All heavy atoms as atom14 arrays in JSON, in Angstrom:
{
  "sequence": "GQNFAFNGYLPVKKQERAEKLKYLEKKLLADKQTQIFIETPY",
  "atom14_mask": [
    [1, 1, 1, 1, 0, 0, 0, 0, 0, 0, 0, 0, 0, 0],
    [1, 1, 1, 1, 1, 1, 1, 1, 1, 0, 0, 0, 0, 0],
    [1, 1, 1, 1, 1, 1, 1, 1, 0, 0, 0, 0, 0, 0],
    [1, 1, 1, 1, 1, 1, 1, 1, 1, 1, 1, 0, 0, 0],
    [1, 1, 1, 1, 1, 0, 0, 0, 0, 0, 0, 0, 0, 0],
    [1, 1, 1, 1, 1, 1, 1, 1, 1, 1, 1, 0, 0, 0],
    [1, 1, 1, 1, 1, 1, 1, 1, 0, 0, 0, 0, 0, 0],
    [1, 1, 1, 1, 0, 0, 0, 0, 0, 0, 0, 0, 0, 0],
    [1, 1, 1, 1, 1, 1, 1, 1, 1, 1, 1, 1, 0, 0],
    [1, 1, 1, 1, 1, 1, 1, 1, 0, 0, 0, 0, 0, 0],
    [1, 1, 1, 1, 1, 1, 1, 0, 0, 0, 0, 0, 0, 0],
    [1, 1, 1, 1, 1, 1, 1, 0, 0, 0, 0, 0, 0, 0],
    [1, 1, 1, 1, 1, 1, 1, 1, 1, 0, 0, 0, 0, 0],
    [1, 1, 1, 1, 1, 1, 1, 1, 1, 0, 0, 0, 0, 0],
    [1, 1, 1, 1, 1, 1, 1, 1, 1, 0, 0, 0, 0, 0],
    [1, 1, 1, 1, 1, 1, 1, 1, 1, 0, 0, 0, 0, 0],
    [1, 1, 1, 1, 1, 1, 1, 1, 1, 1, 1, 0, 0, 0],
    [1, 1, 1, 1, 1, 0, 0, 0, 0, 0, 0, 0, 0, 0],
    [1, 1, 1, 1, 1, 1, 1, 1, 1, 0, 0, 0, 0, 0],
    [1, 1, 1, 1, 1, 1, 1, 1, 1, 0, 0, 0, 0, 0],
    [1, 1, 1, 1, 1, 1, 1, 1, 0, 0, 0, 0, 0, 0],
    [1, 1, 1, 1, 1, 1, 1, 1, 1, 0, 0, 0, 0, 0],
    [1, 1, 1, 1, 1, 1, 1, 1, 1, 1, 1, 1, 0, 0],
    [1, 1, 1, 1, 1, 1, 1, 1, 0, 0, 0, 0, 0, 0],
    [1, 1, 1, 1, 1, 1, 1, 1, 1, 0, 0, 0, 0, 0],
    [1, 1, 1, 1, 1, 1, 1, 1, 1, 0, 0, 0, 0, 0],
    [1, 1, 1, 1, 1, 1, 1, 1, 1, 0, 0, 0, 0, 0],
    [1, 1, 1, 1, 1, 1, 1, 1, 0, 0, 0, 0, 0, 0],
    [1, 1, 1, 1, 1, 1, 1, 1, 0, 0, 0, 0, 0, 0],
    [1, 1, 1, 1, 1, 0, 0, 0, 0, 0, 0, 0, 0, 0],
    [1, 1, 1, 1, 1, 1, 1, 1, 0, 0, 0, 0, 0, 0],
    [1, 1, 1, 1, 1, 1, 1, 1, 1, 0, 0, 0, 0, 0],
    [1, 1, 1, 1, 1, 1, 1, 1, 1, 0, 0, 0, 0, 0],
    [1, 1, 1, 1, 1, 1, 1, 0, 0, 0, 0, 0, 0, 0],
    [1, 1, 1, 1, 1, 1, 1, 1, 1, 0, 0, 0, 0, 0],
    [1, 1, 1, 1, 1, 1, 1, 1, 0, 0, 0, 0, 0, 0],
    [1, 1, 1, 1, 1, 1, 1, 1, 1, 1, 1, 0, 0, 0],
    [1, 1, 1, 1, 1, 1, 1, 1, 0, 0, 0, 0, 0, 0],
    [1, 1, 1, 1, 1, 1, 1, 1, 1, 0, 0, 0, 0, 0],
    [1, 1, 1, 1, 1, 1, 1, 0, 0, 0, 0, 0, 0, 0],
    [1, 1, 1, 1, 1, 1, 1, 0, 0, 0, 0, 0, 0, 0],
    [1, 1, 1, 1, 1, 1, 1, 1, 1, 1, 1, 1, 0, 0]
  ],
  "atom14_positions": [
    [[14.62, 4.4, 2.95], [14.12, 5.41, 3.87], [14.2, 6.81, 3.31], [13.89, 7.78, 4.02], [0.0, 0.0, 0.0], [0.0, 0.0, 0.0], [0.0, 0.0, 0.0], [0.0, 0.0, 0.0], [0.0, 0.0, 0.0], [0.0, 0.0, 0.0], [0.0, 0.0, 0.0], [0.0, 0.0, 0.0], [0.0, 0.0, 0.0], [0.0, 0.0, 0.0]],
    [[14.59, 6.94, 2.03], [14.67, 8.26, 1.4], [13.5, 8.5, 0.45], [13.28, 9.65, 0.02], [15.99, 8.4, 0.65], [17.21, 8.27, 1.56], [18.44, 8.89, 0.94], [18.43, 10.06, 0.57], [19.49, 8.12, 0.82], [0.0, 0.0, 0.0], [0.0, 0.0, 0.0], [0.0, 0.0, 0.0], [0.0, 0.0, 0.0], [0.0, 0.0, 0.0]],
    [[12.78, 7.46, 0.14], [11.61, 7.6, -0.72], [10.56, 6.6, -0.22], [10.68, 5.4, -0.48], [11.97, 7.33, -2.18], [10.79, 7.58, -3.12], [9.77, 8.14, -2.73], [10.94, 7.17, -4.37], [0.0, 0.0, 0.0], [0.0, 0.0, 0.0], [0.0, 0.0, 0.0], [0.0, 0.0, 0.0], [0.0, 0.0, 0.0], [0.0, 0.0, 0.0]],
    [[9.59, 7.1, 0.51], [8.58, 6.21, 1.09], [7.24, 6.94, 1.17], [7.18, 8.17, 1.11], [9.01, 5.72, 2.48], [9.25, 6.81, 3.48], [8.23, 7.26, 4.31], [10.5, 7.38, 3.61], [8.44, 8.27, 5.24], [10.74, 8.4, 4.53], [9.7, 8.84, 5.35], [0.0, 0.0, 0.0], [0.0, 0.0, 0.0], [0.0, 0.0, 0.0]],
    [[6.17, 6.16, 1.32], [4.83, 6.74, 1.44], [4.05, 5.99, 2.5], [4.08, 4.75, 2.55], [4.09, 6.65, 0.1], [0.0, 0.0, 0.0], [0.0, 0.0, 0.0], [0.0, 0.0, 0.0], [0.0, 0.0, 0.0], [0.0, 0.0, 0.0], [0.0, 0.0, 0.0], [0.0, 0.0, 0.0], [0.0, 0.0, 0.0], [0.0, 0.0, 0.0]],
    [[3.37, 6.75, 3.36], [2.48, 6.14, 4.34], [1.07, 6.22, 3.79], [0.56, 7.31, 3.5], [2.58, 6.85, 5.68], [1.59, 6.32, 6.7], [1.67, 5.01, 7.14], [0.57, 7.13, 7.18], [0.76, 4.51, 8.06], [-0.34, 6.64, 8.1], [-0.25, 5.33, 8.54], [0.0, 0.0, 0.0], [0.0, 0.0, 0.0], [0.0, 0.0, 0.0]],
    [[0.41, 5.07, 3.64], [-0.89, 5.0, 2.98], [-2.06, 4.82, 3.94], [-3.2, 4.67, 3.5], [-0.89, 3.83, 1.98], [0.16, 4.01, 0.9], [-0.07, 4.72, -0.08], [1.33, 3.39, 1.07], [0.0, 0.0, 0.0], [0.0, 0.0, 0.0], [0.0, 0.0, 0.0], [0.0, 0.0, 0.0], [0.0, 0.0, 0.0], [0.0, 0.0, 0.0]],
    [[-1.79, 4.82, 5.23], [-2.87, 4.67, 6.19], [-3.51, 3.29, 6.09], [-2.84, 2.28, 5.86], [0.0, 0.0, 0.0], [0.0, 0.0, 0.0], [0.0, 0.0, 0.0], [0.0, 0.0, 0.0], [0.0, 0.0, 0.0], [0.0, 0.0, 0.0], [0.0, 0.0, 0.0], [0.0, 0.0, 0.0], [0.0, 0.0, 0.0], [0.0, 0.0, 0.0]],
    [[-4.84, 3.26, 6.25], [-5.58, 2.01, 6.18], [-5.91, 1.67, 4.72], [-6.31, 2.56, 3.95], [-6.88, 2.1, 6.97], [-6.68, 2.2, 8.46], [-6.57, 3.44, 9.08], [-6.61, 1.05, 9.25], [-6.39, 3.53, 10.46], [-6.43, 1.14, 10.62], [-6.31, 2.38, 11.22], [-6.12, 2.48, 12.57], [0.0, 0.0, 0.0], [0.0, 0.0, 0.0]],
    [[-5.77, 0.41, 4.36], [-6.18, -0.03, 3.03], [-7.68, -0.28, 3.03], [-8.3, -0.44, 4.08], [-5.43, -1.31, 2.65], [-3.9, -1.21, 2.59], [-3.32, -2.47, 1.96], [-3.43, 0.02, 1.87], [0.0, 0.0, 0.0], [0.0, 0.0, 0.0], [0.0, 0.0, 0.0], [0.0, 0.0, 0.0], [0.0, 0.0, 0.0], [0.0, 0.0, 0.0]],
    [[-8.31, -0.33, 1.83], [-9.75, -0.57, 1.78], [-10.14, -1.88, 2.47], [-9.4, -2.85, 2.46], [-10.04, -0.64, 0.28], [-8.94, 0.15, -0.35], [-7.73, -0.1, 0.5], [0.0, 0.0, 0.0], [0.0, 0.0, 0.0], [0.0, 0.0, 0.0], [0.0, 0.0, 0.0], [0.0, 0.0, 0.0], [0.0, 0.0, 0.0], [0.0, 0.0, 0.0]],
    [[-11.32, -1.89, 3.06], [-11.8, -3.08, 3.77], [-12.33, -4.13, 2.79], [-12.11, -5.33, 2.97], [-12.9, -2.69, 4.79], [-13.5, -3.95, 5.44], [-12.33, -1.76, 5.86], [0.0, 0.0, 0.0], [0.0, 0.0, 0.0], [0.0, 0.0, 0.0], [0.0, 0.0, 0.0], [0.0, 0.0, 0.0], [0.0, 0.0, 0.0], [0.0, 0.0, 0.0]],
    [[-13.03, -3.67, 1.74], [-13.6, -4.61, 0.78], [-12.49, -5.34, 0.03], [-11.52, -4.72, -0.41], [-14.51, -3.87, -0.2], [-15.75, -3.29, 0.47], [-16.68, -2.64, -0.54], [-17.93, -2.11, 0.13], [-18.84, -1.44, -0.84], [0.0, 0.0, 0.0], [0.0, 0.0, 0.0], [0.0, 0.0, 0.0], [0.0, 0.0, 0.0], [0.0, 0.0, 0.0]],
    [[-12.65, -6.64, -0.1], [-11.59, -7.5, -0.61], [-11.1, -7.1, -2.0], [-9.89, -7.03, -2.25], [-12.06, -8.96, -0.62], [-10.94, -9.97, -0.77], [-11.44, -11.38, -0.55], [-10.3, -12.38, -0.58], [-9.34, -12.19, 0.53], [0.0, 0.0, 0.0], [0.0, 0.0, 0.0], [0.0, 0.0, 0.0], [0.0, 0.0, 0.0], [0.0, 0.0, 0.0]],
    [[-12.02, -6.82, -2.93], [-11.62, -6.48, -4.29], [-10.88, -5.14, -4.33], [-9.85, -5.0, -5.0], [-12.85, -6.42, -5.21], [-12.53, -6.13, -6.67], [-11.58, -7.15, -7.28], [-11.65, -8.34, -7.0], [-10.66, -6.68, -8.12], [0.0, 0.0, 0.0], [0.0, 0.0, 0.0], [0.0, 0.0, 0.0], [0.0, 0.0, 0.0], [0.0, 0.0, 0.0]],
    [[-11.39, -4.18, -3.58], [-10.75, -2.87, -3.53], [-9.37, -2.97, -2.89], [-8.42, -2.3, -3.31], [-11.62, -1.88, -2.77], [-12.93, -1.54, -3.48], [-13.79, -0.6, -2.68], [-13.34, -0.11, -1.61], [-14.94, -0.34, -3.1], [0.0, 0.0, 0.0], [0.0, 0.0, 0.0], [0.0, 0.0, 0.0], [0.0, 0.0, 0.0], [0.0, 0.0, 0.0]],
    [[-9.27, -3.8, -1.86], [-7.98, -3.98, -1.2], [-6.97, -4.64, -2.14], [-5.8, -4.24, -2.19], [-8.14, -4.82, 0.06], [-6.82, -5.18, 0.73], [-7.04, -5.99, 1.99], [-7.51, -5.13, 3.05], [-7.72, -5.54, 4.31], [-7.49, -6.79, 4.63], [-8.13, -4.71, 5.23], [0.0, 0.0, 0.0], [0.0, 0.0, 0.0], [0.0, 0.0, 0.0]],
    [[-7.43, -5.63, -2.89], [-6.55, -6.31, -3.85], [-6.02, -5.33, -4.89], [-4.83, -5.33, -5.23], [-7.3, -7.46, -4.53], [0.0, 0.0, 0.0], [0.0, 0.0, 0.0], [0.0, 0.0, 0.0], [0.0, 0.0, 0.0], [0.0, 0.0, 0.0], [0.0, 0.0, 0.0], [0.0, 0.0, 0.0], [0.0, 0.0, 0.0], [0.0, 0.0, 0.0]],
    [[-6.89, -4.47, -5.4], [-6.48, -3.48, -6.39], [-5.48, -2.49, -5.79], [-4.51, -2.09, -6.45], [-7.71, -2.74, -6.92], [-8.62, -3.63, -7.76], [-9.92, -2.93, -8.15], [-10.1, -1.76, -7.74], [-10.74, -3.55, -8.84], [0.0, 0.0, 0.0], [0.0, 0.0, 0.0], [0.0, 0.0, 0.0], [0.0, 0.0, 0.0], [0.0, 0.0, 0.0]],
    [[-5.7, -2.11, -4.53], [-4.79, -1.18, -3.87], [-3.42, -1.81, -3.66], [-2.38, -1.17, -3.89], [-5.37, -0.75, -2.52], [-4.55, 0.31, -1.79], [-4.58, 1.64, -2.51], [-3.91, 2.73, -1.7], [-3.96, 4.06, -2.35], [0.0, 0.0, 0.0], [0.0, 0.0, 0.0], [0.0, 0.0, 0.0], [0.0, 0.0, 0.0], [0.0, 0.0, 0.0]],
    [[-3.38, -3.06, -3.23], [-2.11, -3.75, -3.03], [-1.34, -3.88, -4.35], [-0.12, -3.7, -4.39], [-2.34, -5.13, -2.42], [-2.64, -5.16, -0.91], [-3.11, -6.54, -0.49], [-1.4, -4.75, -0.12], [0.0, 0.0, 0.0], [0.0, 0.0, 0.0], [0.0, 0.0, 0.0], [0.0, 0.0, 0.0], [0.0, 0.0, 0.0], [0.0, 0.0, 0.0]],
    [[-2.05, -4.2, -5.44], [-1.39, -4.3, -6.74], [-0.82, -2.94, -7.15], [0.29, -2.86, -7.7], [-2.39, -4.79, -7.79], [-2.81, -6.24, -7.63], [-3.89, -6.63, -8.63], [-4.37, -8.05, -8.4], [-5.48, -8.41, -9.32], [0.0, 0.0, 0.0], [0.0, 0.0, 0.0], [0.0, 0.0, 0.0], [0.0, 0.0, 0.0], [0.0, 0.0, 0.0]],
    [[-1.57, -1.88, -6.88], [-1.1, -0.52, -7.2], [0.15, -0.18, -6.4], [1.12, 0.36, -6.95], [-2.21, 0.49, -6.92], [-1.71, 1.91, -6.96], [-1.51, 2.58, -8.17], [-1.44, 2.6, -5.77], [-1.04, 3.88, -8.2], [-0.96, 3.91, -5.79], [-0.77, 4.55, -7.01], [-0.3, 5.83, -7.03], [0.0, 0.0, 0.0], [0.0, 0.0, 0.0]],
    [[0.13, -0.48, -5.08], [1.28, -0.16, -4.23], [2.52, -0.94, -4.65], [3.64, -0.41, -4.62], [0.94, -0.44, -2.77], [-0.15, 0.45, -2.15], [-0.4, 0.04, -0.7], [0.22, 1.93, -2.24], [0.0, 0.0, 0.0], [0.0, 0.0, 0.0], [0.0, 0.0, 0.0], [0.0, 0.0, 0.0], [0.0, 0.0, 0.0], [0.0, 0.0, 0.0]],
    [[2.33, -2.18, -5.05], [3.47, -2.99, -5.5], [4.05, -2.41, -6.79], [5.27, -2.36, -6.96], [3.05, -4.44, -5.69], [4.23, -5.37, -5.93], [3.81, -6.83, -6.01], [2.71, -7.09, -6.56], [4.56, -7.69, -5.55], [0.0, 0.0, 0.0], [0.0, 0.0, 0.0], [0.0, 0.0, 0.0], [0.0, 0.0, 0.0], [0.0, 0.0, 0.0]],
    [[3.18, -1.97, -7.71], [3.66, -1.35, -8.95], [4.4, -0.05, -8.64], [5.43, 0.26, -9.25], [2.48, -1.07, -9.89], [1.89, -2.31, -10.53], [0.72, -1.95, -11.44], [0.11, -3.2, -12.07], [-1.06, -2.87, -12.93], [0.0, 0.0, 0.0], [0.0, 0.0, 0.0], [0.0, 0.0, 0.0], [0.0, 0.0, 0.0], [0.0, 0.0, 0.0]],
    [[3.89, 0.7, -7.69], [4.53, 1.96, -7.28], [5.91, 1.68, -6.7], [6.88, 2.4, -6.98], [3.65, 2.66, -6.24], [4.12, 4.04, -5.83], [3.86, 5.06, -6.9], [4.18, 6.46, -6.4], [4.12, 7.46, -7.5], [0.0, 0.0, 0.0], [0.0, 0.0, 0.0], [0.0, 0.0, 0.0], [0.0, 0.0, 0.0], [0.0, 0.0, 0.0]],
    [[6.0, 0.64, -5.88], [7.28, 0.23, -5.3], [8.29, -0.09, -6.4], [9.44, 0.37, -6.38], [7.06, -0.99, -4.4], [8.27, -1.89, -4.13], [9.33, -1.14, -3.34], [7.83, -3.15, -3.4], [0.0, 0.0, 0.0], [0.0, 0.0, 0.0], [0.0, 0.0, 0.0], [0.0, 0.0, 0.0], [0.0, 0.0, 0.0], [0.0, 0.0, 0.0]],
    [[7.89, -0.88, -7.38], [8.79, -1.32, -8.44], [9.18, -0.18, -9.37], [10.32, -0.08, -9.81], [8.15, -2.45, -9.22], [7.89, -3.75, -8.43], [7.1, -4.73, -9.27], [9.2, -4.35, -7.96], [0.0, 0.0, 0.0], [0.0, 0.0, 0.0], [0.0, 0.0, 0.0], [0.0, 0.0, 0.0], [0.0, 0.0, 0.0], [0.0, 0.0, 0.0]],
    [[8.22, 0.71, -9.66], [8.47, 1.79, -10.62], [9.33, 2.91, -10.03], [10.22, 3.44, -10.69], [7.15, 2.36, -11.12], [0.0, 0.0, 0.0], [0.0, 0.0, 0.0], [0.0, 0.0, 0.0], [0.0, 0.0, 0.0], [0.0, 0.0, 0.0], [0.0, 0.0, 0.0], [0.0, 0.0, 0.0], [0.0, 0.0, 0.0], [0.0, 0.0, 0.0]],
    [[9.07, 3.25, -8.77], [9.72, 4.42, -8.16], [10.69, 4.07, -7.03], [11.26, 4.97, -6.42], [8.66, 5.37, -7.61], [7.74, 5.91, -8.68], [8.15, 5.92, -9.86], [6.6, 6.31, -8.35], [0.0, 0.0, 0.0], [0.0, 0.0, 0.0], [0.0, 0.0, 0.0], [0.0, 0.0, 0.0], [0.0, 0.0, 0.0], [0.0, 0.0, 0.0]],
    [[10.86, 2.76, -6.76], [11.7, 2.33, -5.63], [11.22, 2.97, -4.33], [12.02, 3.32, -3.45], [13.17, 2.68, -5.87], [13.72, 2.25, -7.21], [13.6, 0.74, -7.42], [14.19, 0.32, -8.77], [14.0, -1.11, -9.06], [0.0, 0.0, 0.0], [0.0, 0.0, 0.0], [0.0, 0.0, 0.0], [0.0, 0.0, 0.0], [0.0, 0.0, 0.0]],
    [[9.91, 3.11, -4.2], [9.32, 3.81, -3.06], [8.73, 2.8, -2.07], [7.84, 2.04, -2.4], [8.21, 4.76, -3.54], [7.61, 5.6, -2.42], [6.5, 6.49, -2.93], [5.43, 6.01, -3.31], [6.73, 7.8, -2.96], [0.0, 0.0, 0.0], [0.0, 0.0, 0.0], [0.0, 0.0, 0.0], [0.0, 0.0, 0.0], [0.0, 0.0, 0.0]],
    [[9.26, 2.81, -0.86], [8.73, 1.93, 0.2], [7.29, 2.3, 0.5], [6.95, 3.48, 0.63], [9.58, 2.09, 1.48], [10.94, 1.76, 1.19], [9.05, 1.17, 2.58], [0.0, 0.0, 0.0], [0.0, 0.0, 0.0], [0.0, 0.0, 0.0], [0.0, 0.0, 0.0], [0.0, 0.0, 0.0], [0.0, 0.0, 0.0], [0.0, 0.0, 0.0]],
    [[6.43, 1.31, 0.59], [5.01, 1.53, 0.86], [4.66, 1.03, 2.26], [4.91, -0.13, 2.6], [4.15, 0.82, -0.19], [4.44, 1.24, -1.62], [4.14, 2.72, -1.87], [3.16, 3.27, -1.33], [4.97, 3.37, -2.68], [0.0, 0.0, 0.0], [0.0, 0.0, 0.0], [0.0, 0.0, 0.0], [0.0, 0.0, 0.0], [0.0, 0.0, 0.0]],
    [[4.09, 1.92, 3.06], [3.77, 1.62, 4.46], [2.26, 1.72, 4.65], [1.62, 2.65, 4.16], [4.47, 2.63, 5.4], [5.96, 2.73, 5.06], [4.27, 2.24, 6.86], [6.67, 3.87, 5.78], [0.0, 0.0, 0.0], [0.0, 0.0, 0.0], [0.0, 0.0, 0.0], [0.0, 0.0, 0.0], [0.0, 0.0, 0.0], [0.0, 0.0, 0.0]],
    [[1.69, 0.77, 5.39], [0.25, 0.82, 5.67], [-0.05, 0.1, 6.98], [0.8, -0.61, 7.53], [-0.57, 0.25, 4.51], [-0.02, -1.01, 3.89], [-0.44, -2.26, 4.33], [0.92, -0.95, 2.87], [0.06, -3.42, 3.76], [1.43, -2.11, 2.3], [1.0, -3.35, 2.74], [0.0, 0.0, 0.0], [0.0, 0.0, 0.0], [0.0, 0.0, 0.0]],
    [[-1.27, 0.3, 7.45], [-1.69, -0.28, 8.74], [-3.07, -0.91, 8.59], [-3.74, -0.74, 7.58], [-1.72, 0.8, 9.85], [-2.62, 1.97, 9.44], [-0.32, 1.27, 10.19], [-2.76, 3.05, 10.51], [0.0, 0.0, 0.0], [0.0, 0.0, 0.0], [0.0, 0.0, 0.0], [0.0, 0.0, 0.0], [0.0, 0.0, 0.0], [0.0, 0.0, 0.0]],
    [[-3.47, -1.61, 9.64], [-4.79, -2.24, 9.69], [-5.26, -2.28, 11.12], [-4.45, -2.24, 12.07], [-4.72, -3.65, 9.08], [-6.05, -4.39, 9.04], [-7.16, -3.62, 8.36], [-7.72, -2.71, 9.01], [-7.5, -3.93, 7.21], [0.0, 0.0, 0.0], [0.0, 0.0, 0.0], [0.0, 0.0, 0.0], [0.0, 0.0, 0.0], [0.0, 0.0, 0.0]],
    [[-6.57, -2.33, 11.31], [-7.13, -2.55, 12.64], [-6.62, -3.9, 13.14], [-6.68, -4.89, 12.41], [-8.67, -2.57, 12.57], [-9.11, -1.32, 12.01], [-9.27, -2.78, 13.94], [0.0, 0.0, 0.0], [0.0, 0.0, 0.0], [0.0, 0.0, 0.0], [0.0, 0.0, 0.0], [0.0, 0.0, 0.0], [0.0, 0.0, 0.0], [0.0, 0.0, 0.0]],
    [[-6.08, -3.95, 14.37], [-5.42, -5.18, 14.85], [-6.18, -6.47, 14.62], [-5.58, -7.48, 14.25], [-5.2, -4.89, 16.33], [-4.99, -3.41, 16.37], [-5.95, -2.85, 15.36], [0.0, 0.0, 0.0], [0.0, 0.0, 0.0], [0.0, 0.0, 0.0], [0.0, 0.0, 0.0], [0.0, 0.0, 0.0], [0.0, 0.0, 0.0], [0.0, 0.0, 0.0]],
    [[-7.49, -6.48, 14.81], [-8.22, -7.75, 14.67], [-8.35, -8.21, 13.21], [-8.75, -9.35, 12.94], [-9.6, -7.68, 15.34], [-10.62, -6.81, 14.63], [-11.42, -7.33, 13.61], [-10.82, -5.49, 15.0], [-12.36, -6.55, 12.97], [-11.76, -4.69, 14.37], [-12.53, -5.23, 13.36], [-13.47, -4.44, 12.73], [0.0, 0.0, 0.0], [0.0, 0.0, 0.0]]
  ]
}
């Protein structure tokens, strides 16, 4: 809770979303930074 980022909505397109998730996971591992995001409920 001392190093985190809110990323809002992830891309809707599947390939772009996959790339974003891979980036966020790398960011988490490199900087120990919690990654937060949301999606439209449906």
